[in-house]
Amino acid sequence: LVAEEYAFLIKAMWSDRFRHLAPKDWKEAIGRFRPQFLDYSQKDSQEFTSFMLDALHEDLNRVTVRPKNQEIDYSKFDTYNAGAAAAWESYVSRNDSVIVDLFQGQFRNITC
């Protein structure tokens, strides 16, 4: 799992046991799930970061049995905020990890 290798890497980095560290096992774990990252050629950093966060989210998702995705009828809500809260609740019922806690949310588009 990507999360296990990442945790080992972070623990090793902060342990003061090593003067230098080569994250080979973590890189190999990532390469197993996304072969484009197996070699050592230059890659797109945004694509790598997006994949890494998604892989960590999947490994750390606290939802073990995901409920079926239900279509939300937004016409039944009297306010924009009520509809947004229902959408977020639906999303979090299937996706609940520390990655969601730290990096995901909702935006509201306001036109003046």
Protein backbone atom coordinates (compact mmCIF):
# COMPACT_ATOMS: atom_id res chain seq x y z
CA LEU A 1 0.00 0.00 0.00
CA VAL A 2 1.13 3.50 -0.82
CA ALA A 3 0.10 4.80 2.62
CA GLU A 4 2.19 2.19 4.46
CA GLU A 5 5.31 2.99 2.45
CA TYR A 6 4.68 6.72 2.86
CA ALA A 7 4.31 6.30 6.64
CA PHE A 8 7.57 4.34 6.79
CA LEU A 9 9.32 7.07 4.77
CA ILE A 10 8.04 9.88 7.00
CA LYS A 11 8.98 7.97 10.18
CA ALA A 12 12.46 7.31 8.81
CA MET A 13 12.91 10.96 7.82
CA TRP A 14 12.04 12.18 11.32
CA SER A 15 13.82 9.44 13.27
CA ASP A 16 17.33 10.97 13.28
CA ARG A 17 18.66 7.48 12.54
CA PHE A 18 19.68 8.31 8.97
CA ARG A 19 21.92 11.01 7.55
CA HIS A 20 20.42 10.48 4.11
CA LEU A 21 17.52 8.49 2.77
CA ALA A 22 16.57 7.11 -0.65
CA PRO A 23 12.78 6.57 -0.86
CA LYS A 24 13.08 3.55 -3.21
CA ASP A 25 10.37 1.44 -1.56
CA TRP A 26 7.89 4.31 -1.69
CA LYS A 27 8.73 5.00 -5.33
CA GLU A 28 8.29 1.30 -6.17
CA ALA A 29 4.91 1.22 -4.37
CA ILE A 30 3.75 4.18 -6.45
CA GLY A 31 5.08 2.56 -9.63
CA ARG A 32 3.09 -0.62 -8.94
CA PHE A 33 -0.14 1.38 -9.06
CA ARG A 34 0.89 3.87 -11.75
CA PRO A 35 3.55 2.36 -14.08
CA GLN A 36 4.35 5.74 -15.64
CA PHE A 37 6.23 6.56 -12.41
CA LEU A 38 8.40 3.41 -12.47
CA ASP A 39 11.37 4.89 -14.29
CA TYR A 40 13.50 7.88 -13.33
CA SER A 41 12.62 10.21 -16.19
CA GLN A 42 11.15 13.62 -15.46
CA LYS A 43 7.40 13.60 -14.76
CA ASP A 44 4.65 16.16 -14.30
CA SER A 45 4.73 17.15 -10.62
CA GLN A 46 1.04 18.11 -10.51
CA GLU A 47 0.02 14.74 -11.95
CA PHE A 48 2.25 12.94 -9.43
CA THR A 49 0.87 14.95 -6.50
CA SER A 50 -2.70 14.35 -7.63
CA PHE A 51 -2.08 10.61 -7.92
CA MET A 52 -0.27 10.46 -4.57
CA LEU A 53 -3.09 12.25 -2.72
CA ASP A 54 -5.70 10.04 -4.39
CA ALA A 55 -3.77 6.87 -3.52
CA LEU A 56 -3.35 8.00 0.09
CA HIS A 57 -7.07 8.84 0.24
CA GLU A 58 -8.05 5.39 -1.06
CA ASP A 59 -5.71 3.65 1.40
CA LEU A 60 -6.88 5.76 4.35
CA ASN A 61 -10.60 6.01 3.56
CA ARG A 62 -12.53 5.39 6.78
CA VAL A 63 -15.59 4.26 4.81
CA THR A 64 -15.26 0.52 4.33
CA VAL A 65 -18.62 -0.09 2.63
CA ARG A 66 -19.55 2.71 0.28
CA PRO A 67 -23.29 3.41 -0.07
CA LYS A 68 -24.74 3.68 -3.54
CA ASN A 69 -24.48 7.13 -5.06
CA GLN A 70 -27.93 8.73 -4.85
CA GLU A 71 -29.03 11.46 -7.23
CA ILE A 72 -29.86 14.61 -5.25
CA ASP A 73 -32.99 16.57 -6.15
CA TYR A 74 -31.83 20.13 -5.51
CA SER A 75 -35.28 21.59 -6.22
CA LYS A 76 -36.50 20.39 -2.81
CA PHE A 77 -34.04 22.63 -0.93
CA ASP A 78 -35.12 26.14 -0.08
CA THR A 79 -31.58 27.56 0.12
CA TYR A 80 -28.35 27.11 -1.79
CA ASN A 81 -26.58 26.22 1.46
CA ALA A 82 -29.02 23.40 2.26
CA GLY A 83 -28.40 21.82 -1.16
CA ALA A 84 -24.65 22.22 -0.78
CA ALA A 85 -24.77 20.60 2.68
CA ALA A 86 -26.72 17.64 1.26
CA ALA A 87 -24.20 17.24 -1.56
CA TRP A 88 -21.27 17.34 0.87
CA GLU A 89 -22.95 14.85 3.20
CA SER A 90 -23.50 12.50 0.25
CA TYR A 91 -19.86 12.84 -0.82
CA VAL A 92 -18.46 12.26 2.67
CA SER A 93 -20.66 9.19 3.12
CA ARG A 94 -18.44 7.53 0.50
CA ASN A 95 -15.18 9.46 0.92
CA ASP A 96 -13.96 10.11 4.45
CA SER A 97 -10.20 10.25 4.96
CA VAL A 98 -7.60 12.59 6.37
CA ILE A 99 -6.94 13.66 2.76
CA VAL A 100 -10.58 14.77 2.43
CA ASP A 101 -10.30 16.52 5.81
CA LEU A 102 -7.21 18.47 4.75
CA PHE A 103 -7.46 18.99 0.99
CA GLN A 104 -11.06 18.79 -0.22
CA GLY A 105 -14.07 21.02 0.15
CA GLN A 106 -16.65 23.01 -1.74
CA PHE A 107 -16.53 26.30 -3.59
CA ARG A 108 -19.39 28.62 -4.25
CA ASN A 109 -19.54 30.71 -7.40
CA ILE A 110 -20.97 34.15 -6.73
CA THR A 111 -21.81 36.35 -9.68
CA CYS A 112 -22.07 40.05 -8.98
